[in-house]
């Protein structure tokens, strides 16, 4: 994926701005995903976007990090992953799905009885969340997204234990600091907007001295573990950084590679 115009061009070699680790001892790649919703639909799309890359790797792991508030969704995420990766479509299913995706929705009023019957049968066959995710990926990538779902390579990798799906609960709760993360994200967005418009650096805010402890004082009094938790919380304003520090909090022995983002 290429962004910008020459000479200011940024090339992204991977579909998501998330860290990819590499375990040198086991020679396997570790893909980090941070769960943000009880529904695994976005996770299905994450897998589909990386499916071509997973097919080319010998050993890989998808590690899903769950906040405490979403820990009950681990089973749903695991089921969604195995449904996508261990049930490749047959050639006949592929042709029927591509035909169905190309049809106009809803059914035209002048459609024949036979066409209406075929469309109803296709809707019943492809109404599961798995095919809903493939459809969303097909809108962005075309028929290539459907052809990838035919490959049995991920299924074989999981059966031969060359690939794994891991669900890990984060050791710290940071829901109460989401408001802080949103403020940081808005401030970063405002700064970027002013730089793009050619304005000078924004004026520094004047902070009033109050009886409450300042952020500097809090950081000075915190130990190493508390600082790591604070950094993990503040990183929630950025998905990429959040997943990285989530992996570090989980003691994941992975080294983050440059994704070109």
C-alpha atoms as a PDB file:
ATOM      1  CA  UNK A   1       0.000   0.000   0.000  1.00  0.00           C
ATOM      2  CA  UNK A   2       1.441   3.351  -1.073  1.00  0.00           C
ATOM      3  CA  UNK A   3       0.460   6.689   0.462  1.00  0.00           C
ATOM      4  CA  UNK A   4       1.359  10.216  -0.603  1.00  0.00           C
ATOM      5  CA  UNK A   5       3.030  11.630  -3.694  1.00  0.00           C
ATOM      6  CA  UNK A   6       6.659  11.630  -4.760  1.00  0.00           C
ATOM      7  CA  UNK A   7       9.051  12.378  -3.218  1.00  0.00           C
ATOM      8  CA  UNK A   8       7.035  12.127   0.055  1.00  0.00           C
ATOM      9  CA  UNK A   9       5.875   8.537  -0.347  1.00  0.00           C
ATOM     10  CA  UNK A  10       5.155   6.075   2.454  1.00  0.00           C
ATOM     11  CA  UNK A  11       5.005   2.376   1.614  1.00  0.00           C
ATOM     12  CA  UNK A  12       3.146   0.022   3.956  1.00  0.00           C
ATOM     13  CA  UNK A  13       4.156  -3.578   3.372  1.00  0.00           C
ATOM     14  CA  UNK A  14       1.564  -5.068   5.729  1.00  0.00           C
ATOM     15  CA  UNK A  15      -2.200  -4.436   5.851  1.00  0.00           C
ATOM     16  CA  UNK A  16      -2.424  -3.403   9.530  1.00  0.00           C
ATOM     17  CA  UNK A  17      -0.381  -1.056  11.695  1.00  0.00           C
ATOM     18  CA  UNK A  18       0.152  -3.745  14.319  1.00  0.00           C
ATOM     19  CA  UNK A  19       3.432  -5.260  15.557  1.00  0.00           C
ATOM     20  CA  UNK A  20       4.703  -8.519  14.114  1.00  0.00           C
ATOM     21  CA  UNK A  21       7.115 -10.411  16.342  1.00  0.00           C
ATOM     22  CA  UNK A  22       9.656 -13.073  15.445  1.00  0.00           C
ATOM     23  CA  UNK A  23      10.645 -15.878  17.813  1.00  0.00           C
ATOM     24  CA  UNK A  24      14.151 -16.871  16.733  1.00  0.00           C
ATOM     25  CA  UNK A  25      14.255 -19.984  18.921  1.00  0.00           C
ATOM     26  CA  UNK A  26      11.170 -21.524  17.302  1.00  0.00           C
ATOM     27  CA  UNK A  27      11.514 -19.687  13.956  1.00  0.00           C
ATOM     28  CA  UNK A  28       7.934 -18.515  14.013  1.00  0.00           C
ATOM     29  CA  UNK A  29       6.229 -15.176  13.451  1.00  0.00           C
ATOM     30  CA  UNK A  30       3.836 -13.809  16.065  1.00  0.00           C
ATOM     31  CA  UNK A  31       0.955 -11.577  14.942  1.00  0.00           C
ATOM     32  CA  UNK A  32      -0.451  -9.429  17.761  1.00  0.00           C
ATOM     33  CA  UNK A  33      -4.123  -8.430  17.735  1.00  0.00           C
ATOM     34  CA  UNK A  34      -5.823  -6.325  20.417  1.00  0.00           C
ATOM     35  CA  UNK A  35      -9.487  -7.247  20.969  1.00  0.00           C
ATOM     36  CA  UNK A  36     -11.685  -4.158  21.189  1.00  0.00           C
ATOM     37  CA  UNK A  37     -15.195  -5.597  20.836  1.00  0.00           C
ATOM     38  CA  UNK A  38     -17.148  -8.627  22.095  1.00  0.00           C
ATOM     39  CA  UNK A  39     -17.895  -9.464  18.450  1.00  0.00           C
ATOM     40  CA  UNK A  40     -14.997 -11.100  16.537  1.00  0.00           C
ATOM     41  CA  UNK A  41     -16.015  -9.623  13.156  1.00  0.00           C
ATOM     42  CA  UNK A  42     -13.044  -7.234  12.976  1.00  0.00           C
ATOM     43  CA  UNK A  43     -10.792 -10.119  14.027  1.00  0.00           C
ATOM     44  CA  UNK A  44     -12.096 -12.181  11.100  1.00  0.00           C
ATOM     45  CA  UNK A  45     -11.174  -9.340   8.740  1.00  0.00           C
ATOM     46  CA  UNK A  46      -7.736  -9.141  10.373  1.00  0.00           C
ATOM     47  CA  UNK A  47      -7.183 -12.825   9.580  1.00  0.00           C
ATOM     48  CA  UNK A  48      -8.433 -12.441   6.012  1.00  0.00           C
ATOM     49  CA  UNK A  49      -6.119  -9.492   5.393  1.00  0.00           C
ATOM     50  CA  UNK A  50      -3.142 -11.588   6.561  1.00  0.00           C
ATOM     51  CA  UNK A  51      -4.224 -14.892   4.999  1.00  0.00           C
ATOM     52  CA  UNK A  52      -1.927 -14.644   1.983  1.00  0.00           C
ATOM     53  CA  UNK A  53       1.026 -13.895   4.263  1.00  0.00           C
ATOM     54  CA  UNK A  54       0.153 -16.762   6.631  1.00  0.00           C
ATOM     55  CA  UNK A  55       0.060 -19.184   3.697  1.00  0.00           C
ATOM     56  CA  UNK A  56       3.657 -18.262   2.866  1.00  0.00           C
ATOM     57  CA  UNK A  57       5.057 -18.756   6.390  1.00  0.00           C
ATOM     58  CA  UNK A  58       6.298 -22.034   7.824  1.00  0.00           C
ATOM     59  CA  UNK A  59       5.415 -21.375  11.470  1.00  0.00           C
ATOM     60  CA  UNK A  60       3.155 -18.648  12.863  1.00  0.00           C
ATOM     61  CA  UNK A  61       1.050 -17.659  15.867  1.00  0.00           C
ATOM     62  CA  UNK A  62      -1.873 -15.247  16.144  1.00  0.00           C
ATOM     63  CA  UNK A  63      -1.897 -13.885  19.699  1.00  0.00           C
ATOM     64  CA  UNK A  64      -5.097 -12.075  20.695  1.00  0.00           C
ATOM     65  CA  UNK A  65      -4.791  -9.773  23.712  1.00  0.00           C
ATOM     66  CA  UNK A  66      -7.985  -9.292  25.727  1.00  0.00           C
ATOM     67  CA  UNK A  67      -8.744  -6.566  28.283  1.00  0.00           C
ATOM     68  CA  UNK A  68     -10.410  -7.922  31.412  1.00  0.00           C
ATOM     69  CA  UNK A  69     -13.766  -6.550  30.295  1.00  0.00           C
ATOM     70  CA  UNK A  70     -13.610  -8.733  27.128  1.00  0.00           C
ATOM     71  CA  UNK A  71     -12.081 -11.880  28.598  1.00  0.00           C
ATOM     72  CA  UNK A  72     -15.402 -13.732  28.246  1.00  0.00           C
ATOM     73  CA  UNK A  73     -15.154 -13.360  24.451  1.00  0.00           C
ATOM     74  CA  UNK A  74     -12.066 -15.573  24.127  1.00  0.00           C
ATOM     75  CA  UNK A  75     -14.076 -18.616  23.094  1.00  0.00           C
ATOM     76  CA  UNK A  76     -15.945 -16.660  20.401  1.00  0.00           C
ATOM     77  CA  UNK A  77     -12.672 -15.329  18.956  1.00  0.00           C
ATOM     78  CA  UNK A  78     -11.076 -18.784  18.936  1.00  0.00           C
ATOM     79  CA  UNK A  79     -14.124 -20.302  17.247  1.00  0.00           C
ATOM     80  CA  UNK A  80     -14.162 -17.552  14.608  1.00  0.00           C
ATOM     81  CA  UNK A  81     -10.472 -18.097  13.827  1.00  0.00           C
ATOM     82  CA  UNK A  82     -10.781 -21.861  13.436  1.00  0.00           C
ATOM     83  CA  UNK A  83     -13.929 -21.470  11.345  1.00  0.00           C
ATOM     84  CA  UNK A  84     -12.058 -19.280   8.871  1.00  0.00           C
ATOM     85  CA  UNK A  85      -8.798 -21.217   8.827  1.00  0.00           C
ATOM     86  CA  UNK A  86      -9.906 -24.861   9.001  1.00  0.00           C
ATOM     87  CA  UNK A  87     -12.907 -24.855   6.634  1.00  0.00           C
ATOM     88  CA  UNK A  88     -11.682 -24.019   3.125  1.00  0.00           C
ATOM     89  CA  UNK A  89     -14.397 -23.592   0.532  1.00  0.00           C
ATOM     90  CA  UNK A  90     -14.859 -26.026  -2.323  1.00  0.00           C
ATOM     91  CA  UNK A  91     -14.532 -24.833  -5.957  1.00  0.00           C
ATOM     92  CA  UNK A  92     -18.314 -25.040  -6.402  1.00  0.00           C
ATOM     93  CA  UNK A  93     -18.877 -22.947  -3.276  1.00  0.00           C
ATOM     94  CA  UNK A  94     -16.366 -20.412  -4.560  1.00  0.00           C
ATOM     95  CA  UNK A  95     -18.154 -19.982  -7.890  1.00  0.00           C
ATOM     96  CA  UNK A  96     -21.545 -19.709  -6.206  1.00  0.00           C
ATOM     97  CA  UNK A  97     -20.276 -17.167  -3.669  1.00  0.00           C
ATOM     98  CA  UNK A  98     -18.700 -14.961  -6.359  1.00  0.00           C
ATOM     99  CA  UNK A  99     -21.955 -15.103  -8.335  1.00  0.00           C
ATOM    100  CA  UNK A 100     -23.928 -14.159  -5.225  1.00  0.00           C
ATOM    101  CA  UNK A 101     -21.627 -11.260  -4.314  1.00  0.00           C
ATOM    102  CA  UNK A 102     -22.002  -9.784  -7.797  1.00  0.00           C
ATOM    103  CA  UNK A 103     -25.783  -9.737  -7.629  1.00  0.00           C
ATOM    104  CA  UNK A 104     -27.626  -6.473  -7.055  1.00  0.00           C
ATOM    105  CA  UNK A 105     -28.994  -6.133  -3.530  1.00  0.00           C
ATOM    106  CA  UNK A 106     -31.908  -6.109  -2.932  1.00  0.00           C
ATOM    107  CA  UNK A 107     -33.379  -8.339  -5.630  1.00  0.00           C
ATOM    108  CA  UNK A 108     -34.601  -6.330  -8.663  1.00  0.00           C
ATOM    109  CA  UNK A 109     -38.373  -6.194  -9.141  1.00  0.00           C
ATOM    110  CA  UNK A 110     -38.101  -7.589 -12.685  1.00  0.00           C
ATOM    111  CA  UNK A 111     -36.158 -10.709 -11.564  1.00  0.00           C
ATOM    112  CA  UNK A 112     -37.607 -14.029 -12.656  1.00  0.00           C
ATOM    113  CA  UNK A 113     -38.961 -16.633 -10.268  1.00  0.00           C
ATOM    114  CA  UNK A 114     -35.939 -18.872 -10.880  1.00  0.00           C
ATOM    115  CA  UNK A 115     -33.495 -16.036 -10.117  1.00  0.00           C
ATOM    116  CA  UNK A 116     -35.356 -15.177  -6.913  1.00  0.00           C
ATOM    117  CA  UNK A 117     -35.201 -18.830  -5.818  1.00  0.00           C
ATOM    118  CA  UNK A 118     -31.446 -18.974  -6.509  1.00  0.00           C
ATOM    119  CA  UNK A 119     -30.828 -15.759  -4.574  1.00  0.00           C
ATOM    120  CA  UNK A 120     -32.836 -16.975  -1.587  1.00  0.00           C
ATOM    121  CA  UNK A 121     -30.905 -20.256  -1.561  1.00  0.00           C
ATOM    122  CA  UNK A 122     -27.599 -18.373  -1.740  1.00  0.00           C
ATOM    123  CA  UNK A 123     -28.626 -16.080   1.116  1.00  0.00           C
ATOM    124  CA  UNK A 124     -29.369 -19.097   3.300  1.00  0.00           C
ATOM    125  CA  UNK A 125     -26.053 -20.731   2.369  1.00  0.00           C
ATOM    126  CA  UNK A 126     -23.907 -17.618   2.934  1.00  0.00           C
ATOM    127  CA  UNK A 127     -25.614 -15.920   5.868  1.00  0.00           C
ATOM    128  CA  UNK A 128     -23.086 -16.943   8.540  1.00  0.00           C
ATOM    129  CA  UNK A 129     -20.654 -14.364  10.029  1.00  0.00           C
ATOM    130  CA  UNK A 130     -17.794 -16.130   8.242  1.00  0.00           C
ATOM    131  CA  UNK A 131     -19.191 -15.286   4.806  1.00  0.00           C
ATOM    132  CA  UNK A 132     -20.186 -11.805   5.989  1.00  0.00           C
ATOM    133  CA  UNK A 133     -16.504 -11.154   6.715  1.00  0.00           C
ATOM    134  CA  UNK A 134     -15.472 -12.571   3.334  1.00  0.00           C
ATOM    135  CA  UNK A 135     -17.993 -10.273   1.669  1.00  0.00           C
ATOM    136  CA  UNK A 136     -16.577  -7.208   3.399  1.00  0.00           C
ATOM    137  CA  UNK A 137     -13.069  -8.261   2.376  1.00  0.00           C
ATOM    138  CA  UNK A 138     -14.279  -8.940  -1.179  1.00  0.00           C
ATOM    139  CA  UNK A 139     -15.586  -5.360  -1.447  1.00  0.00           C
ATOM    140  CA  UNK A 140     -12.059  -4.092  -0.792  1.00  0.00           C
ATOM    141  CA  UNK A 141      -9.970  -6.723  -2.603  1.00  0.00           C
ATOM    142  CA  UNK A 142     -12.241  -8.267  -5.241  1.00  0.00           C
ATOM    143  CA  UNK A 143     -12.342 -11.960  -6.202  1.00  0.00           C
ATOM    144  CA  UNK A 144      -8.832 -12.483  -4.830  1.00  0.00           C
ATOM    145  CA  UNK A 145     -10.324 -12.369  -1.315  1.00  0.00           C
ATOM    146  CA  UNK A 146     -12.613 -15.299  -2.146  1.00  0.00           C
ATOM    147  CA  UNK A 147      -9.894 -17.379  -3.818  1.00  0.00           C
ATOM    148  CA  UNK A 148      -7.723 -17.110  -0.679  1.00  0.00           C
ATOM    149  CA  UNK A 149     -10.514 -18.706   1.370  1.00  0.00           C
ATOM    150  CA  UNK A 150     -10.204 -21.859  -0.777  1.00  0.00           C
ATOM    151  CA  UNK A 151      -6.626 -22.612   0.284  1.00  0.00           C
ATOM    152  CA  UNK A 152      -6.183 -25.575   2.678  1.00  0.00           C
ATOM    153  CA  UNK A 153      -2.732 -24.360   3.777  1.00  0.00           C
ATOM    154  CA  UNK A 154      -3.870 -22.742   7.086  1.00  0.00           C
ATOM    155  CA  UNK A 155      -5.871 -25.864   7.989  1.00  0.00           C
ATOM    156  CA  UNK A 156      -2.854 -28.109   7.396  1.00  0.00           C
ATOM    157  CA  UNK A 157      -0.614 -25.791   9.419  1.00  0.00           C
ATOM    158  CA  UNK A 158      -2.961 -25.932  12.416  1.00  0.00           C
ATOM    159  CA  UNK A 159      -3.381 -29.716  12.170  1.00  0.00           C
ATOM    160  CA  UNK A 160       0.401 -30.242  12.044  1.00  0.00           C
ATOM    161  CA  UNK A 161       0.884 -27.803  14.957  1.00  0.00           C
ATOM    162  CA  UNK A 162       2.951 -25.419  12.854  1.00  0.00           C
ATOM    163  CA  UNK A 163       0.416 -22.683  13.619  1.00  0.00           C
ATOM    164  CA  UNK A 164      -1.456 -21.711  16.784  1.00  0.00           C
ATOM    165  CA  UNK A 165      -4.171 -19.328  17.953  1.00  0.00           C
ATOM    166  CA  UNK A 166      -3.528 -17.891  21.418  1.00  0.00           C
ATOM    167  CA  UNK A 167      -5.841 -15.839  23.627  1.00  0.00           C
ATOM    168  CA  UNK A 168      -4.214 -13.907  26.486  1.00  0.00           C
ATOM    169  CA  UNK A 169      -5.904 -11.776  29.134  1.00  0.00           C
ATOM    170  CA  UNK A 170      -4.074  -8.545  29.906  1.00  0.00           C
ATOM    171  CA  UNK A 171      -2.815  -8.462  33.509  1.00  0.00           C
ATOM    172  CA  UNK A 172      -3.944  -4.882  34.194  1.00  0.00           C
ATOM    173  CA  UNK A 173      -7.237  -3.013  33.896  1.00  0.00           C
ATOM    174  CA  UNK A 174      -7.142   0.371  32.189  1.00  0.00           C
ATOM    175  CA  UNK A 175     -10.779   1.041  31.266  1.00  0.00           C
ATOM    176  CA  UNK A 176     -10.924   3.949  33.714  1.00  0.00           C
ATOM    177  CA  UNK A 177      -8.183   5.766  31.754  1.00  0.00           C
ATOM    178  CA  UNK A 178      -9.846   5.624  28.336  1.00  0.00           C
ATOM    179  CA  UNK A 179     -10.791   9.297  28.717  1.00  0.00           C
ATOM    180  CA  UNK A 180      -7.101  10.185  29.082  1.00  0.00           C
ATOM    181  CA  UNK A 181      -6.214   8.176  25.974  1.00  0.00           C
ATOM    182  CA  UNK A 182      -8.914   9.940  23.956  1.00  0.00           C
ATOM    183  CA  UNK A 183      -7.571  13.335  25.002  1.00  0.00           C
ATOM    184  CA  UNK A 184      -4.066  12.321  23.916  1.00  0.00           C
ATOM    185  CA  UNK A 185      -5.364  11.062  20.563  1.00  0.00           C
ATOM    186  CA  UNK A 186      -7.303  14.301  19.945  1.00  0.00           C
ATOM    187  CA  UNK A 187      -4.258  16.399  20.828  1.00  0.00           C
ATOM    188  CA  UNK A 188      -2.053  14.414  18.417  1.00  0.00           C
ATOM    189  CA  UNK A 189      -4.675  14.811  15.687  1.00  0.00           C
ATOM    190  CA  UNK A 190      -4.865  18.567  16.243  1.00  0.00           C
ATOM    191  CA  UNK A 191      -1.072  18.910  16.086  1.00  0.00           C
ATOM    192  CA  UNK A 192      -0.922  16.923  12.842  1.00  0.00           C
ATOM    193  CA  UNK A 193      -3.669  19.048  11.333  1.00  0.00           C
ATOM    194  CA  UNK A 194      -1.876  22.293  12.156  1.00  0.00           C
ATOM    195  CA  UNK A 195       1.396  20.992  10.706  1.00  0.00           C
ATOM    196  CA  UNK A 196      -0.309  19.910   7.480  1.00  0.00           C
ATOM    197  CA  UNK A 197      -1.946  23.323   7.117  1.00  0.00           C
ATOM    198  CA  UNK A 198       1.440  25.047   7.428  1.00  0.00           C
ATOM    199  CA  UNK A 199       0.772  26.655  10.790  1.00  0.00           C
ATOM    200  CA  UNK A 200       3.355  26.986  13.486  1.00  0.00           C
ATOM    201  CA  UNK A 201       3.572  24.631  16.442  1.00  0.00           C
ATOM    202  CA  UNK A 202       0.533  25.122  18.700  1.00  0.00           C
ATOM    203  CA  UNK A 203       0.934  27.399  21.663  1.00  0.00           C
ATOM    204  CA  UNK A 204       1.757  25.664  24.912  1.00  0.00           C
ATOM    205  CA  UNK A 205      -1.081  25.427  27.341  1.00  0.00           C
ATOM    206  CA  UNK A 206      -0.780  27.272  30.588  1.00  0.00           C
ATOM    207  CA  UNK A 207      -1.297  24.904  33.472  1.00  0.00           C
ATOM    208  CA  UNK A 208      -2.537  26.272  36.775  1.00  0.00           C
ATOM    209  CA  UNK A 209      -1.025  25.099  40.013  1.00  0.00           C
ATOM    210  CA  UNK A 210      -3.580  23.201  42.046  1.00  0.00           C
ATOM    211  CA  UNK A 211      -3.536  21.132  45.170  1.00  0.00           C
ATOM    212  CA  UNK A 212      -3.610  17.911  43.116  1.00  0.00           C
ATOM    213  CA  UNK A 213      -0.453  16.001  42.303  1.00  0.00           C
ATOM    214  CA  UNK A 214       1.005  16.857  38.912  1.00  0.00           C
ATOM    215  CA  UNK A 215       1.730  14.238  36.278  1.00  0.00           C
ATOM    216  CA  UNK A 216       5.479  14.747  36.786  1.00  0.00           C
ATOM    217  CA  UNK A 217       5.138  14.025  40.490  1.00  0.00           C
ATOM    218  CA  UNK A 218       3.098  10.891  39.835  1.00  0.00           C
ATOM    219  CA  UNK A 219       5.651   9.547  37.355  1.00  0.00           C
ATOM    220  CA  UNK A 220       8.554  10.347  39.685  1.00  0.00           C
ATOM    221  CA  UNK A 221       6.965   8.349  42.512  1.00  0.00           C
ATOM    222  CA  UNK A 222       5.971   5.333  40.392  1.00  0.00           C
ATOM    223  CA  UNK A 223       8.022   2.165  40.237  1.00  0.00           C
ATOM    224  CA  UNK A 224       8.945   0.279  37.059  1.00  0.00           C
ATOM    225  CA  UNK A 225       5.859  -1.946  36.980  1.00  0.00           C
ATOM    226  CA  UNK A 226       3.514   0.999  37.533  1.00  0.00           C
ATOM    227  CA  UNK A 227       5.181   2.949  34.734  1.00  0.00           C
ATOM    228  CA  UNK A 228       4.677   0.016  32.375  1.00  0.00           C
ATOM    229  CA  UNK A 229       0.979  -0.111  33.246  1.00  0.00           C
ATOM    230  CA  UNK A 230       0.612   3.661  32.746  1.00  0.00           C
ATOM    231  CA  UNK A 231       2.343   3.423  29.384  1.00  0.00           C
ATOM    232  CA  UNK A 232       0.049   0.581  28.384  1.00  0.00           C
ATOM    233  CA  UNK A 233      -2.983   2.664  29.351  1.00  0.00           C
ATOM    234  CA  UNK A 234      -1.881   5.785  27.514  1.00  0.00           C
ATOM    235  CA  UNK A 235      -1.099   3.702  24.453  1.00  0.00           C
ATOM    236  CA  UNK A 236      -4.778   2.838  24.101  1.00  0.00           C
ATOM    237  CA  UNK A 237      -5.079   6.037  22.057  1.00  0.00           C
ATOM    238  CA  UNK A 238      -3.089   4.238  19.353  1.00  0.00           C
ATOM    239  CA  UNK A 239      -3.940   0.633  18.435  1.00  0.00           C
ATOM    240  CA  UNK A 240      -0.438  -0.145  17.262  1.00  0.00           C
ATOM    241  CA  UNK A 241       1.225   0.987  20.481  1.00  0.00           C
ATOM    242  CA  UNK A 242      -1.511  -0.579  22.590  1.00  0.00           C
ATOM    243  CA  UNK A 243      -0.914  -4.018  21.102  1.00  0.00           C
ATOM    244  CA  UNK A 244       2.852  -3.641  21.534  1.00  0.00           C
ATOM    245  CA  UNK A 245       2.675  -2.787  25.221  1.00  0.00           C
ATOM    246  CA  UNK A 246      -0.010  -5.410  25.753  1.00  0.00           C
ATOM    247  CA  UNK A 247       2.446  -8.003  24.479  1.00  0.00           C
ATOM    248  CA  UNK A 248       5.164  -6.643  26.740  1.00  0.00           C
ATOM    249  CA  UNK A 249       2.844  -6.758  29.784  1.00  0.00           C
ATOM    250  CA  UNK A 250       2.102 -10.391  28.939  1.00  0.00           C
ATOM    251  CA  UNK A 251       5.855 -11.115  29.019  1.00  0.00           C
ATOM    252  CA  UNK A 252       5.796 -12.053  25.333  1.00  0.00           C
ATOM    253  CA  UNK A 253       9.319 -12.756  24.152  1.00  0.00           C
ATOM    254  CA  UNK A 254       8.929 -11.187  20.739  1.00  0.00           C
ATOM    255  CA  UNK A 255      10.885  -8.512  18.906  1.00  0.00           C
ATOM    256  CA  UNK A 256       8.838  -6.016  16.935  1.00  0.00           C
ATOM    257  CA  UNK A 257       9.765  -5.638  13.294  1.00  0.00           C
ATOM    258  CA  UNK A 258       9.403  -2.570  11.135  1.00  0.00           C
ATOM    259  CA  UNK A 259       6.100  -2.904   9.263  1.00  0.00           C
ATOM    260  CA  UNK A 260       6.762   0.017   6.960  1.00  0.00           C
ATOM    261  CA  UNK A 261       3.733   1.889   8.350  1.00  0.00           C
END
